[in-house]
Amino acid sequence: MRSVFEGELAQARKIERAIVQGDAHLCRPAFGIVCKALWPTKTAEQLASLVGCGVRTAAYEISGEREPSGLSLLAVMIAITPKRK
């Protein structure tokens, strides 16, 4: 049986291990590739300004750590489609 201190220490190690190893999985790597092709410099900032979300949220979506939102997908589709004259 563990003492309270040992239990807290084990929980802290478990959290630290998850941070170091990175338990994030890639959701949609193609989304990030397309975003980087559309906006080669400051990709997350560009996407965040179009969608209206935070830069960190946009960066997570581009890296594949989070599923892209519907607004992010819409912003990319609008940027891809040619404009009519």
C-alpha atoms as a PDB file:
ATOM      1  CA  MET A   1       0.000   0.000   0.000  1.00  0.00           C
ATOM      2  CA  ARG A   2       1.354   3.412  -0.953  1.00  0.00           C
ATOM      3  CA  SER A   3       1.499   6.370   1.320  1.00  0.00           C
ATOM      4  CA  VAL A   4      -0.168   9.608   0.272  1.00  0.00           C
ATOM      5  CA  PHE A   5       3.188  11.080  -0.737  1.00  0.00           C
ATOM      6  CA  GLU A   6       4.076   8.058  -2.891  1.00  0.00           C
ATOM      7  CA  GLY A   7       0.683   8.221  -4.600  1.00  0.00           C
ATOM      8  CA  GLU A   8       1.110  11.910  -5.400  1.00  0.00           C
ATOM      9  CA  LEU A   9       4.635  11.258  -6.666  1.00  0.00           C
ATOM     10  CA  ALA A  10       3.435   8.444  -8.923  1.00  0.00           C
ATOM     11  CA  GLN A  11       0.684  10.676 -10.330  1.00  0.00           C
ATOM     12  CA  ALA A  12       3.191  13.474 -11.000  1.00  0.00           C
ATOM     13  CA  ARG A  13       5.505  11.025 -12.810  1.00  0.00           C
ATOM     14  CA  LYS A  14       2.624   9.793 -14.923  1.00  0.00           C
ATOM     15  CA  ILE A  15       1.749  13.351 -15.962  1.00  0.00           C
ATOM     16  CA  GLU A  16       5.404  14.202 -16.621  1.00  0.00           C
ATOM     17  CA  ARG A  17       5.817  11.073 -18.748  1.00  0.00           C
ATOM     18  CA  ALA A  18       2.773  12.007 -20.832  1.00  0.00           C
ATOM     19  CA  ILE A  19       4.158  15.499 -21.398  1.00  0.00           C
ATOM     20  CA  VAL A  20       7.649  14.307 -22.332  1.00  0.00           C
ATOM     21  CA  GLN A  21       6.530  11.445 -24.552  1.00  0.00           C
ATOM     22  CA  GLY A  22       3.709  13.408 -26.086  1.00  0.00           C
ATOM     23  CA  ASP A  23       0.470  11.486 -26.188  1.00  0.00           C
ATOM     24  CA  ALA A  24      -0.985  13.607 -28.967  1.00  0.00           C
ATOM     25  CA  HIS A  25      -1.838  11.804 -32.164  1.00  0.00           C
ATOM     26  CA  LEU A  26      -1.952  13.273 -35.609  1.00  0.00           C
ATOM     27  CA  CYS A  27      -5.544  13.842 -36.653  1.00  0.00           C
ATOM     28  CA  ARG A  28      -5.310  15.317 -40.124  1.00  0.00           C
ATOM     29  CA  PRO A  29      -1.736  15.922 -41.289  1.00  0.00           C
ATOM     30  CA  ALA A  30      -2.988  16.885 -44.772  1.00  0.00           C
ATOM     31  CA  PHE A  31      -4.767  19.915 -43.296  1.00  0.00           C
ATOM     32  CA  GLY A  32      -1.478  21.308 -41.999  1.00  0.00           C
ATOM     33  CA  ILE A  33       0.278  20.658 -45.295  1.00  0.00           C
ATOM     34  CA  VAL A  34      -2.400  22.554 -47.210  1.00  0.00           C
ATOM     35  CA  CYS A  35      -2.339  25.437 -44.714  1.00  0.00           C
ATOM     36  CA  LYS A  36       1.437  25.736 -44.974  1.00  0.00           C
ATOM     37  CA  ALA A  37       1.210  25.733 -48.764  1.00  0.00           C
ATOM     38  CA  LEU A  38      -1.424  28.488 -48.702  1.00  0.00           C
ATOM     39  CA  TRP A  39       0.267  30.650 -46.082  1.00  0.00           C
ATOM     40  CA  PRO A  40       4.000  29.856 -45.960  1.00  0.00           C
ATOM     41  CA  THR A  41       4.851  32.546 -43.399  1.00  0.00           C
ATOM     42  CA  LYS A  42       3.029  32.852 -40.073  1.00  0.00           C
ATOM     43  CA  THR A  43       0.618  30.075 -40.951  1.00  0.00           C
ATOM     44  CA  ALA A  44      -1.073  29.902 -37.558  1.00  0.00           C
ATOM     45  CA  GLU A  45      -1.515  33.670 -37.400  1.00  0.00           C
ATOM     46  CA  GLN A  46      -3.060  33.767 -40.868  1.00  0.00           C
ATOM     47  CA  LEU A  47      -5.512  30.964 -40.090  1.00  0.00           C
ATOM     48  CA  ALA A  48      -6.387  32.461 -36.706  1.00  0.00           C
ATOM     49  CA  SER A  49      -7.161  35.844 -38.253  1.00  0.00           C
ATOM     50  CA  LEU A  50      -9.436  34.271 -40.865  1.00  0.00           C
ATOM     51  CA  VAL A  51     -11.266  32.005 -38.440  1.00  0.00           C
ATOM     52  CA  GLY A  52     -11.347  34.284 -35.415  1.00  0.00           C
ATOM     53  CA  CYS A  53      -9.744  31.857 -32.999  1.00  0.00           C
ATOM     54  CA  GLY A  54      -6.550  31.978 -30.967  1.00  0.00           C
ATOM     55  CA  VAL A  55      -3.140  31.482 -32.534  1.00  0.00           C
ATOM     56  CA  ARG A  56      -2.454  28.524 -30.253  1.00  0.00           C
ATOM     57  CA  THR A  57      -5.691  26.835 -31.341  1.00  0.00           C
ATOM     58  CA  ALA A  58      -4.801  27.353 -34.987  1.00  0.00           C
ATOM     59  CA  ALA A  59      -1.303  25.993 -34.362  1.00  0.00           C
ATOM     60  CA  TYR A  60      -2.757  22.852 -32.759  1.00  0.00           C
ATOM     61  CA  GLU A  61      -5.015  22.323 -35.757  1.00  0.00           C
ATOM     62  CA  ILE A  62      -2.156  22.833 -38.223  1.00  0.00           C
ATOM     63  CA  SER A  63       0.153  20.465 -36.342  1.00  0.00           C
ATOM     64  CA  GLY A  64      -2.514  17.773 -36.221  1.00  0.00           C
ATOM     65  CA  GLU A  65      -2.825  17.638 -32.449  1.00  0.00           C
ATOM     66  CA  ARG A  66      -6.459  18.740 -32.685  1.00  0.00           C
ATOM     67  CA  GLU A  67      -9.139  18.167 -35.282  1.00  0.00           C
ATOM     68  CA  PRO A  68      -9.646  21.243 -37.455  1.00  0.00           C
ATOM     69  CA  SER A  69     -12.858  23.090 -36.760  1.00  0.00           C
ATOM     70  CA  GLY A  70     -15.522  23.618 -39.370  1.00  0.00           C
ATOM     71  CA  LEU A  71     -14.596  27.277 -39.667  1.00  0.00           C
ATOM     72  CA  SER A  72     -10.957  26.346 -40.267  1.00  0.00           C
ATOM     73  CA  LEU A  73     -11.942  23.911 -42.993  1.00  0.00           C
ATOM     74  CA  LEU A  74     -14.188  26.546 -44.540  1.00  0.00           C
ATOM     75  CA  ALA A  75     -11.388  29.144 -44.498  1.00  0.00           C
ATOM     76  CA  VAL A  76      -9.059  26.742 -46.307  1.00  0.00           C
ATOM     77  CA  MET A  77     -11.723  25.831 -48.876  1.00  0.00           C
ATOM     78  CA  ILE A  78     -12.433  29.496 -49.583  1.00  0.00           C
ATOM     79  CA  ALA A  79      -8.714  30.168 -49.996  1.00  0.00           C
ATOM     80  CA  ILE A  80      -8.351  27.235 -52.410  1.00  0.00           C
ATOM     81  CA  THR A  81     -11.328  27.913 -54.664  1.00  0.00           C
ATOM     82  CA  PRO A  82     -10.646  30.287 -57.554  1.00  0.00           C
ATOM     83  CA  LYS A  83     -12.426  33.602 -57.556  1.00  0.00           C
ATOM     84  CA  ARG A  84     -15.006  34.236 -60.304  1.00  0.00           C
ATOM     85  CA  LYS A  85     -14.805  37.385 -62.376  1.00  0.00           C
END
